[in-house]
Amino acid sequence: MHAYLRQSSGHFPIAIPAVGNWISRRRQEVGLSRARAAALAGLSHRDWSMLEQGWVPSFDESLLRSIAATLEVTFDVLDCAIEPLRIHFAGADERP
């Protein structure tokens, strides 16, 4: 299983569910079940379900490229979609 990014306070920014919702809608648009999308991306069904709930796997580029290919979007589109999360978690790392 991949390490999922979590905020230590237990609170999540609104961008996380929004990304999960976007991924879920995009998967449906391309006509994939969760199980098929997970298999194509190289994730477990559980990991894909967590992704659609707004949990973002590590920002590992090869994993993100696999997710983008599964969703039939470019890496840049997916990368832009998750950029608010990168910014948020970068800021969280700098907090005391």
PDB file of N, CA and C in Angstrom:
ATOM      1  N   MET A   1       0.837  -1.169   0.000  1.00  0.00           N
ATOM      2  CA  MET A   1       0.000   0.000   0.000  1.00  0.00           C
ATOM      3  C   MET A   1       0.888   1.240   0.000  1.00  0.00           C
ATOM      4  N   HIS A   2       0.398   2.269  -0.634  1.00  0.00           N
ATOM      5  CA  HIS A   2       1.146   3.522  -0.685  1.00  0.00           C
ATOM      6  C   HIS A   2       0.935   4.325   0.590  1.00  0.00           C
ATOM      7  N   ALA A   3       1.904   5.132   0.919  1.00  0.00           N
ATOM      8  CA  ALA A   3       1.770   6.013   2.074  1.00  0.00           C
ATOM      9  C   ALA A   3       0.888   7.187   1.679  1.00  0.00           C
ATOM     10  N   TYR A   4      -0.162   7.394   2.422  1.00  0.00           N
ATOM     11  CA  TYR A   4      -1.072   8.501   2.126  1.00  0.00           C
ATOM     12  C   TYR A   4      -0.697   9.702   2.964  1.00  0.00           C
ATOM     13  N   LEU A   5      -0.879  10.854   2.378  1.00  0.00           N
ATOM     14  CA  LEU A   5      -0.536  12.096   3.047  1.00  0.00           C
ATOM     15  C   LEU A   5      -1.666  12.479   3.994  1.00  0.00           C
ATOM     16  N   ARG A   6      -1.338  12.746   5.209  1.00  0.00           N
ATOM     17  CA  ARG A   6      -2.339  13.136   6.195  1.00  0.00           C
ATOM     18  C   ARG A   6      -1.811  14.320   6.978  1.00  0.00           C
ATOM     19  N   GLN A   7      -2.718  15.125   7.402  1.00  0.00           N
ATOM     20  CA  GLN A   7      -2.357  16.254   8.234  1.00  0.00           C
ATOM     21  C   GLN A   7      -2.413  15.791   9.677  1.00  0.00           C
ATOM     22  N   SER A   8      -1.413  16.083  10.455  1.00  0.00           N
ATOM     23  CA  SER A   8      -1.355  15.574  11.815  1.00  0.00           C
ATOM     24  C   SER A   8      -2.507  16.063  12.683  1.00  0.00           C
ATOM     25  N   SER A   9      -3.088  17.215  12.363  1.00  0.00           N
ATOM     26  CA  SER A   9      -4.187  17.748  13.160  1.00  0.00           C
ATOM     27  C   SER A   9      -5.479  16.976  12.929  1.00  0.00           C
ATOM     28  N   GLY A  10      -5.532  16.174  11.873  1.00  0.00           N
ATOM     29  CA  GLY A  10      -6.739  15.443  11.557  1.00  0.00           C
ATOM     30  C   GLY A  10      -7.724  16.244  10.730  1.00  0.00           C
ATOM     31  N   HIS A  11      -7.432  17.505  10.470  1.00  0.00           N
ATOM     32  CA  HIS A  11      -8.301  18.336   9.649  1.00  0.00           C
ATOM     33  C   HIS A  11      -7.776  18.348   8.224  1.00  0.00           C
ATOM     34  N   PHE A  12      -8.682  18.349   7.283  1.00  0.00           N
ATOM     35  CA  PHE A  12      -8.288  18.289   5.884  1.00  0.00           C
ATOM     36  C   PHE A  12      -8.775  19.521   5.153  1.00  0.00           C
ATOM     37  N   PRO A  13      -7.954  20.066   4.285  1.00  0.00           N
ATOM     38  CA  PRO A  13      -8.390  21.223   3.504  1.00  0.00           C
ATOM     39  C   PRO A  13      -9.449  20.807   2.507  1.00  0.00           C
ATOM     40  N   ILE A  14     -10.283  21.732   2.097  1.00  0.00           N
ATOM     41  CA  ILE A  14     -11.378  21.432   1.184  1.00  0.00           C
ATOM     42  C   ILE A  14     -10.878  20.897  -0.156  1.00  0.00           C
ATOM     43  N   ALA A  15      -9.660  21.201  -0.519  1.00  0.00           N
ATOM     44  CA  ALA A  15      -9.123  20.750  -1.805  1.00  0.00           C
ATOM     45  C   ALA A  15      -9.010  19.236  -1.871  1.00  0.00           C
ATOM     46  N   ILE A  16      -8.820  18.563  -0.765  1.00  0.00           N
ATOM     47  CA  ILE A  16      -8.646  17.112  -0.814  1.00  0.00           C
ATOM     48  C   ILE A  16      -9.919  16.417  -1.281  1.00  0.00           C
ATOM     49  N   PRO A  17     -11.081  16.664  -0.672  1.00  0.00           N
ATOM     50  CA  PRO A  17     -12.290  16.024  -1.198  1.00  0.00           C
ATOM     51  C   PRO A  17     -12.592  16.450  -2.629  1.00  0.00           C
ATOM     52  N   ALA A  18     -12.288  17.676  -2.972  1.00  0.00           N
ATOM     53  CA  ALA A  18     -12.535  18.145  -4.339  1.00  0.00           C
ATOM     54  C   ALA A  18     -11.719  17.346  -5.341  1.00  0.00           C
ATOM     55  N   VAL A  19     -10.497  17.036  -5.017  1.00  0.00           N
ATOM     56  CA  VAL A  19      -9.662  16.226  -5.909  1.00  0.00           C
ATOM     57  C   VAL A  19     -10.231  14.817  -6.016  1.00  0.00           C
ATOM     58  N   GLY A  20     -10.635  14.238  -4.900  1.00  0.00           N
ATOM     59  CA  GLY A  20     -11.239  12.911  -4.917  1.00  0.00           C
ATOM     60  C   GLY A  20     -12.504  12.872  -5.763  1.00  0.00           C
ATOM     61  N   ASN A  21     -13.320  13.900  -5.629  1.00  0.00           N
ATOM     62  CA  ASN A  21     -14.549  13.973  -6.429  1.00  0.00           C
ATOM     63  C   ASN A  21     -14.224  14.087  -7.912  1.00  0.00           C
ATOM     64  N   TRP A  22     -13.219  14.878  -8.239  1.00  0.00           N
ATOM     65  CA  TRP A  22     -12.822  15.025  -9.644  1.00  0.00           C
ATOM     66  C   TRP A  22     -12.346  13.692 -10.208  1.00  0.00           C
ATOM     67  N   ILE A  23     -11.537  12.981  -9.435  1.00  0.00           N
ATOM     68  CA  ILE A  23     -11.019  11.682  -9.880  1.00  0.00           C
ATOM     69  C   ILE A  23     -12.177  10.703 -10.080  1.00  0.00           C
ATOM     70  N   SER A  24     -13.119  10.682  -9.164  1.00  0.00           N
ATOM     71  CA  SER A  24     -14.267   9.797  -9.280  1.00  0.00           C
ATOM     72  C   SER A  24     -15.096  10.121 -10.530  1.00  0.00           C
ATOM     73  N   ARG A  25     -15.374  11.403 -10.745  1.00  0.00           N
ATOM     74  CA  ARG A  25     -16.141  11.802 -11.935  1.00  0.00           C
ATOM     75  C   ARG A  25     -15.395  11.443 -13.211  1.00  0.00           C
ATOM     76  N   ARG A  26     -14.087  11.682 -13.227  1.00  0.00           N
ATOM     77  CA  ARG A  26     -13.308  11.384 -14.433  1.00  0.00           C
ATOM     78  C   ARG A  26     -13.302   9.885 -14.711  1.00  0.00           C
ATOM     79  N   ARG A  27     -13.152   9.077 -13.673  1.00  0.00           N
ATOM     80  CA  ARG A  27     -13.182   7.621 -13.845  1.00  0.00           C
ATOM     81  C   ARG A  27     -14.511   7.185 -14.458  1.00  0.00           C
ATOM     82  N   GLN A  28     -15.585   7.749 -13.969  1.00  0.00           N
ATOM     83  CA  GLN A  28     -16.904   7.415 -14.503  1.00  0.00           C
ATOM     84  C   GLN A  28     -17.055   7.877 -15.951  1.00  0.00           C
ATOM     85  N   GLU A  29     -16.509   9.045 -16.265  1.00  0.00           N
ATOM     86  CA  GLU A  29     -16.573   9.560 -17.634  1.00  0.00           C
ATOM     87  C   GLU A  29     -15.884   8.630 -18.631  1.00  0.00           C
ATOM     88  N   VAL A  30     -14.792   8.001 -18.204  1.00  0.00           N
ATOM     89  CA  VAL A  30     -14.087   7.092 -19.120  1.00  0.00           C
ATOM     90  C   VAL A  30     -14.632   5.666 -19.043  1.00  0.00           C
ATOM     91  N   GLY A  31     -15.660   5.469 -18.208  1.00  0.00           N
ATOM     92  CA  GLY A  31     -16.367   4.193 -18.178  1.00  0.00           C
ATOM     93  C   GLY A  31     -15.676   3.073 -17.436  1.00  0.00           C
ATOM     94  N   LEU A  32     -14.902   3.421 -16.415  1.00  0.00           N
ATOM     95  CA  LEU A  32     -14.186   2.396 -15.659  1.00  0.00           C
ATOM     96  C   LEU A  32     -14.833   2.151 -14.307  1.00  0.00           C
ATOM     97  N   SER A  33     -14.836   0.899 -13.890  1.00  0.00           N
ATOM     98  CA  SER A  33     -15.223   0.587 -12.514  1.00  0.00           C
ATOM     99  C   SER A  33     -14.045   0.959 -11.613  1.00  0.00           C
ATOM    100  N   ARG A  34     -14.292   1.042 -10.318  1.00  0.00           N
ATOM    101  CA  ARG A  34     -13.183   1.309  -9.396  1.00  0.00           C
ATOM    102  C   ARG A  34     -12.149   0.192  -9.479  1.00  0.00           C
ATOM    103  N   ALA A  35     -12.630  -1.046  -9.546  1.00  0.00           N
ATOM    104  CA  ALA A  35     -11.707  -2.179  -9.593  1.00  0.00           C
ATOM    105  C   ALA A  35     -10.834  -2.141 -10.850  1.00  0.00           C
ATOM    106  N   ARG A  36     -11.435  -1.830 -11.987  1.00  0.00           N
ATOM    107  CA  ARG A  36     -10.666  -1.774 -13.240  1.00  0.00           C
ATOM    108  C   ARG A  36      -9.670  -0.615 -13.210  1.00  0.00           C
ATOM    109  N   ALA A  37     -10.111   0.543 -12.721  1.00  0.00           N
ATOM    110  CA  ALA A  37      -9.214   1.703 -12.630  1.00  0.00           C
ATOM    111  C   ALA A  37      -8.030   1.380 -11.722  1.00  0.00           C
ATOM    112  N   ALA A  38      -8.308   0.747 -10.599  1.00  0.00           N
ATOM    113  CA  ALA A  38      -7.233   0.379  -9.668  1.00  0.00           C
ATOM    114  C   ALA A  38      -6.229  -0.542 -10.344  1.00  0.00           C
ATOM    115  N   ALA A  39      -6.742  -1.547 -11.038  1.00  0.00           N
ATOM    116  CA  ALA A  39      -5.851  -2.497 -11.709  1.00  0.00           C
ATOM    117  C   ALA A  39      -4.999  -1.802 -12.766  1.00  0.00           C
ATOM    118  N   LEU A  40      -5.607  -0.932 -13.554  1.00  0.00           N
ATOM    119  CA  LEU A  40      -4.855  -0.220 -14.595  1.00  0.00           C
ATOM    120  C   LEU A  40      -3.782   0.689 -14.008  1.00  0.00           C
ATOM    121  N   ALA A  41      -4.082   1.291 -12.867  1.00  0.00           N
ATOM    122  CA  ALA A  41      -3.130   2.213 -12.237  1.00  0.00           C
ATOM    123  C   ALA A  41      -2.092   1.501 -11.379  1.00  0.00           C
ATOM    124  N   GLY A  42      -2.285   0.211 -11.157  1.00  0.00           N
ATOM    125  CA  GLY A  42      -1.343  -0.525 -10.311  1.00  0.00           C
ATOM    126  C   GLY A  42      -1.584  -0.318  -8.833  1.00  0.00           C
ATOM    127  N   LEU A  43      -2.827   0.000  -8.477  1.00  0.00           N
ATOM    128  CA  LEU A  43      -3.199   0.205  -7.075  1.00  0.00           C
ATOM    129  C   LEU A  43      -4.144  -0.899  -6.634  1.00  0.00           C
ATOM    130  N   SER A  44      -4.232  -1.097  -5.349  1.00  0.00           N
ATOM    131  CA  SER A  44      -5.247  -2.010  -4.837  1.00  0.00           C
ATOM    132  C   SER A  44      -6.605  -1.314  -4.943  1.00  0.00           C
ATOM    133  N   HIS A  45      -7.668  -2.101  -4.901  1.00  0.00           N
ATOM    134  CA  HIS A  45      -9.013  -1.518  -4.932  1.00  0.00           C
ATOM    135  C   HIS A  45      -9.189  -0.570  -3.753  1.00  0.00           C
ATOM    136  N   ARG A  46      -8.674  -0.966  -2.600  1.00  0.00           N
ATOM    137  CA  ARG A  46      -8.769  -0.125  -1.391  1.00  0.00           C
ATOM    138  C   ARG A  46      -8.056   1.213  -1.604  1.00  0.00           C
ATOM    139  N   ASP A  47      -6.856   1.173  -2.184  1.00  0.00           N
ATOM    140  CA  ASP A  47      -6.114   2.417  -2.415  1.00  0.00           C
ATOM    141  C   ASP A  47      -6.856   3.327  -3.394  1.00  0.00           C
ATOM    142  N   TRP A  48      -7.440   2.737  -4.444  1.00  0.00           N
ATOM    143  CA  TRP A  48      -8.180   3.566  -5.395  1.00  0.00           C
ATOM    144  C   TRP A  48      -9.407   4.177  -4.715  1.00  0.00           C
ATOM    145  N   SER A  49     -10.100   3.410  -3.911  1.00  0.00           N
ATOM    146  CA  SER A  49     -11.261   3.937  -3.198  1.00  0.00           C
ATOM    147  C   SER A  49     -10.855   5.082  -2.281  1.00  0.00           C
ATOM    148  N   MET A  50      -9.723   4.938  -1.618  1.00  0.00           N
ATOM    149  CA  MET A  50      -9.227   6.024  -0.761  1.00  0.00           C
ATOM    150  C   MET A  50      -8.888   7.255  -1.598  1.00  0.00           C
ATOM    151  N   LEU A  51      -8.337   7.037  -2.773  1.00  0.00           N
ATOM    152  CA  LEU A  51      -8.024   8.135  -3.680  1.00  0.00           C
ATOM    153  C   LEU A  51      -9.290   8.916  -4.011  1.00  0.00           C
ATOM    154  N   GLU A  52     -10.376   8.210  -4.287  1.00  0.00           N
ATOM    155  CA  GLU A  52     -11.640   8.865  -4.622  1.00  0.00           C
ATOM    156  C   GLU A  52     -12.299   9.518  -3.411  1.00  0.00           C
ATOM    157  N   GLN A  53     -11.855   9.176  -2.228  1.00  0.00           N
ATOM    158  CA  GLN A  53     -12.368   9.821  -1.023  1.00  0.00           C
ATOM    159  C   GLN A  53     -11.555  11.065  -0.671  1.00  0.00           C
ATOM    160  N   GLY A  54     -10.512  11.312  -1.446  1.00  0.00           N
ATOM    161  CA  GLY A  54      -9.718  12.504  -1.218  1.00  0.00           C
ATOM    162  C   GLY A  54      -8.356  12.262  -0.597  1.00  0.00           C
ATOM    163  N   TRP A  55      -8.031  11.030  -0.299  1.00  0.00           N
ATOM    164  CA  TRP A  55      -6.690  10.708   0.170  1.00  0.00           C
ATOM    165  C   TRP A  55      -5.793  10.645  -1.050  1.00  0.00           C
ATOM    166  N   VAL A  56      -4.729  11.365  -1.034  1.00  0.00           N
ATOM    167  CA  VAL A  56      -3.834  11.402  -2.190  1.00  0.00           C
ATOM    168  C   VAL A  56      -2.601  10.572  -1.889  1.00  0.00           C
ATOM    169  N   PRO A  57      -2.279   9.640  -2.801  1.00  0.00           N
ATOM    170  CA  PRO A  57      -1.064   8.873  -2.574  1.00  0.00           C
ATOM    171  C   PRO A  57       0.159   9.791  -2.613  1.00  0.00           C
ATOM    172  N   SER A  58       1.250   9.264  -2.264  1.00  0.00           N
ATOM    173  CA  SER A  58       2.472  10.052  -2.316  1.00  0.00           C
ATOM    174  C   SER A  58       2.577  10.743  -3.669  1.00  0.00           C
ATOM    175  N   PHE A  59       3.342  11.799  -3.722  1.00  0.00           N
ATOM    176  CA  PHE A  59       3.485  12.556  -4.961  1.00  0.00           C
ATOM    177  C   PHE A  59       4.538  11.921  -5.878  1.00  0.00           C
ATOM    178  N   ASP A  60       4.707  10.630  -5.772  1.00  0.00           N
ATOM    179  CA  ASP A  60       5.622   9.892  -6.635  1.00  0.00           C
ATOM    180  C   ASP A  60       5.189  10.061  -8.090  1.00  0.00           C
ATOM    181  N   GLU A  61       6.079  10.573  -8.922  1.00  0.00           N
ATOM    182  CA  GLU A  61       5.717  10.904 -10.297  1.00  0.00           C
ATOM    183  C   GLU A  61       5.269   9.689 -11.096  1.00  0.00           C
ATOM    184  N   SER A  62       5.909   8.549 -10.928  1.00  0.00           N
ATOM    185  CA  SER A  62       5.507   7.385 -11.717  1.00  0.00           C
ATOM    186  C   SER A  62       4.098   6.928 -11.333  1.00  0.00           C
ATOM    187  N   LEU A  63       3.748   6.994 -10.064  1.00  0.00           N
ATOM    188  CA  LEU A  63       2.401   6.640  -9.629  1.00  0.00           C
ATOM    189  C   LEU A  63       1.387   7.630 -10.194  1.00  0.00           C
ATOM    190  N   LEU A  64       1.701   8.919 -10.117  1.00  0.00           N
ATOM    191  CA  LEU A  64       0.784   9.929 -10.645  1.00  0.00           C
ATOM    192  C   LEU A  64       0.620   9.789 -12.153  1.00  0.00           C
ATOM    193  N   ARG A  65       1.677   9.451 -12.862  1.00  0.00           N
ATOM    194  CA  ARG A  65       1.568   9.233 -14.308  1.00  0.00           C
ATOM    195  C   ARG A  65       0.658   8.033 -14.603  1.00  0.00           C
ATOM    196  N   SER A  66       0.741   7.010 -13.795  1.00  0.00           N
ATOM    197  CA  SER A  66      -0.110   5.842 -13.962  1.00  0.00           C
ATOM    198  C   SER A  66      -1.584   6.192 -13.716  1.00  0.00           C
ATOM    199  N   ILE A  67      -1.837   6.991 -12.690  1.00  0.00           N
ATOM    200  CA  ILE A  67      -3.206   7.438 -12.403  1.00  0.00           C
ATOM    201  C   ILE A  67      -3.719   8.303 -13.551  1.00  0.00           C
ATOM    202  N   ALA A  68      -2.892   9.210 -14.040  1.00  0.00           N
ATOM    203  CA  ALA A  68      -3.287  10.078 -15.161  1.00  0.00           C
ATOM    204  C   ALA A  68      -3.628   9.246 -16.391  1.00  0.00           C
ATOM    205  N   ALA A  69      -2.798   8.264 -16.710  1.00  0.00           N
ATOM    206  CA  ALA A  69      -3.061   7.421 -17.878  1.00  0.00           C
ATOM    207  C   ALA A  69      -4.371   6.659 -17.705  1.00  0.00           C
ATOM    208  N   THR A  70      -4.621   6.172 -16.513  1.00  0.00           N
ATOM    209  CA  THR A  70      -5.863   5.461 -16.236  1.00  0.00           C
ATOM    210  C   THR A  70      -7.072   6.364 -16.457  1.00  0.00           C
ATOM    211  N   LEU A  71      -6.950   7.621 -16.054  1.00  0.00           N
ATOM    212  CA  LEU A  71      -8.047   8.584 -16.195  1.00  0.00           C
ATOM    213  C   LEU A  71      -8.094   9.216 -17.586  1.00  0.00           C
ATOM    214  N   GLU A  72      -7.151   8.833 -18.433  1.00  0.00           N
ATOM    215  CA  GLU A  72      -7.050   9.349 -19.796  1.00  0.00           C
ATOM    216  C   GLU A  72      -6.924  10.872 -19.822  1.00  0.00           C
ATOM    217  N   VAL A  73      -6.069  11.361 -18.938  1.00  0.00           N
ATOM    218  CA  VAL A  73      -5.706  12.777 -18.929  1.00  0.00           C
ATOM    219  C   VAL A  73      -4.187  12.850 -18.975  1.00  0.00           C
ATOM    220  N   THR A  74      -3.672  13.990 -19.334  1.00  0.00           N
ATOM    221  CA  THR A  74      -2.223  14.140 -19.332  1.00  0.00           C
ATOM    222  C   THR A  74      -1.717  14.245 -17.895  1.00  0.00           C
ATOM    223  N   PHE A  75      -0.456  13.971 -17.737  1.00  0.00           N
ATOM    224  CA  PHE A  75       0.159  14.137 -16.420  1.00  0.00           C
ATOM    225  C   PHE A  75      -0.012  15.567 -15.936  1.00  0.00           C
ATOM    226  N   ASP A  76       0.139  16.535 -16.854  1.00  0.00           N
ATOM    227  CA  ASP A  76       0.020  17.940 -16.471  1.00  0.00           C
ATOM    228  C   ASP A  76      -1.357  18.277 -15.918  1.00  0.00           C
ATOM    229  N   VAL A  77      -2.400  17.685 -16.492  1.00  0.00           N
ATOM    230  CA  VAL A  77      -3.758  17.935 -15.989  1.00  0.00           C
ATOM    231  C   VAL A  77      -3.887  17.419 -14.560  1.00  0.00           C
ATOM    232  N   LEU A  78      -3.440  16.189 -14.318  1.00  0.00           N
ATOM    233  CA  LEU A  78      -3.512  15.637 -12.964  1.00  0.00           C
ATOM    234  C   LEU A  78      -2.626  16.425 -12.016  1.00  0.00           C
ATOM    235  N   ASP A  79      -1.448  16.773 -12.470  1.00  0.00           N
ATOM    236  CA  ASP A  79      -0.512  17.527 -11.639  1.00  0.00           C
ATOM    237  C   ASP A  79      -1.110  18.868 -11.220  1.00  0.00           C
ATOM    238  N   CYS A  80      -1.787  19.536 -12.148  1.00  0.00           N
ATOM    239  CA  CYS A  80      -2.453  20.815 -11.816  1.00  0.00           C
ATOM    240  C   CYS A  80      -3.585  20.595 -10.825  1.00  0.00           C
ATOM    241  N   ALA A  81      -4.313  19.494 -10.988  1.00  0.00           N
ATOM    242  CA  ALA A  81      -5.432  19.212 -10.092  1.00  0.00           C
ATOM    243  C   ALA A  81      -4.973  19.008  -8.651  1.00  0.00           C
ATOM    244  N   ILE A  82      -3.803  18.418  -8.480  1.00  0.00           N
ATOM    245  CA  ILE A  82      -3.328  18.152  -7.119  1.00  0.00           C
ATOM    246  C   ILE A  82      -2.379  19.227  -6.586  1.00  0.00           C
ATOM    247  N   GLU A  83      -2.087  20.233  -7.385  1.00  0.00           N
ATOM    248  CA  GLU A  83      -1.162  21.285  -6.945  1.00  0.00           C
ATOM    249  C   GLU A  83      -1.571  21.928  -5.618  1.00  0.00           C
ATOM    250  N   PRO A  84      -2.854  22.221  -5.398  1.00  0.00           N
ATOM    251  CA  PRO A  84      -3.214  22.794  -4.087  1.00  0.00           C
ATOM    252  C   PRO A  84      -2.830  21.885  -2.927  1.00  0.00           C
ATOM    253  N   LEU A  85      -2.846  20.585  -3.155  1.00  0.00           N
ATOM    254  CA  LEU A  85      -2.451  19.656  -2.097  1.00  0.00           C
ATOM    255  C   LEU A  85      -0.958  19.717  -1.836  1.00  0.00           C
ATOM    256  N   ARG A  86      -0.189  19.823  -2.901  1.00  0.00           N
ATOM    257  CA  ARG A  86       1.268  19.962  -2.734  1.00  0.00           C
ATOM    258  C   ARG A  86       1.581  21.196  -1.902  1.00  0.00           C
ATOM    259  N   ILE A  87       0.933  22.299  -2.238  1.00  0.00           N
ATOM    260  CA  ILE A  87       1.163  23.557  -1.526  1.00  0.00           C
ATOM    261  C   ILE A  87       0.754  23.417  -0.070  1.00  0.00           C
ATOM    262  N   HIS A  88      -0.413  22.827   0.154  1.00  0.00           N
ATOM    263  CA  HIS A  88      -0.897  22.666   1.524  1.00  0.00           C
ATOM    264  C   HIS A  88       0.053  21.812   2.356  1.00  0.00           C
ATOM    265  N   PHE A  89       0.437  20.664   1.830  1.00  0.00           N
ATOM    266  CA  PHE A  89       1.290  19.777   2.605  1.00  0.00           C
ATOM    267  C   PHE A  89       2.704  20.318   2.752  1.00  0.00           C
ATOM    268  N   ALA A  90       3.164  21.090   1.795  1.00  0.00           N
ATOM    269  CA  ALA A  90       4.477  21.732   1.946  1.00  0.00           C
ATOM    270  C   ALA A  90       4.414  22.714   3.105  1.00  0.00           C
ATOM    271  N   GLY A  91       3.322  23.448   3.190  1.00  0.00           N
ATOM    272  CA  GLY A  91       3.137  24.392   4.304  1.00  0.00           C
ATOM    273  C   GLY A  91       2.984  23.678   5.633  1.00  0.00           C
ATOM    274  N   ALA A  92       2.301  22.520   5.634  1.00  0.00           N
ATOM    275  CA  ALA A  92       2.104  21.769   6.870  1.00  0.00           C
ATOM    276  C   ALA A  92       3.434  21.279   7.427  1.00  0.00           C
ATOM    277  N   ASP A  93       4.362  20.943   6.535  1.00  0.00           N
ATOM    278  CA  ASP A  93       5.676  20.481   6.980  1.00  0.00           C
ATOM    279  C   ASP A  93       6.471  21.574   7.654  1.00  0.00           C
ATOM    280  N   GLU A  94       6.161  22.819   7.330  1.00  0.00           N
ATOM    281  CA  GLU A  94       6.916  23.937   7.899  1.00  0.00           C
ATOM    282  C   GLU A  94       6.314  24.444   9.192  1.00  0.00           C
ATOM    283  N   ARG A  95       5.123  23.958   9.570  1.00  0.00           N
ATOM    284  CA  ARG A  95       4.471  24.424  10.802  1.00  0.00           C
ATOM    285  C   ARG A  95       5.144  23.815  12.007  1.00  0.00           C
ATOM    286  N   PRO A  96       5.106  24.536  13.123  1.00  0.00           N
ATOM    287  CA  PRO A  96       5.732  23.998  14.344  1.00  0.00           C
ATOM    288  C   PRO A  96       4.991  22.797  14.896  1.00  0.00           C
TER     289      PRO A  96
END
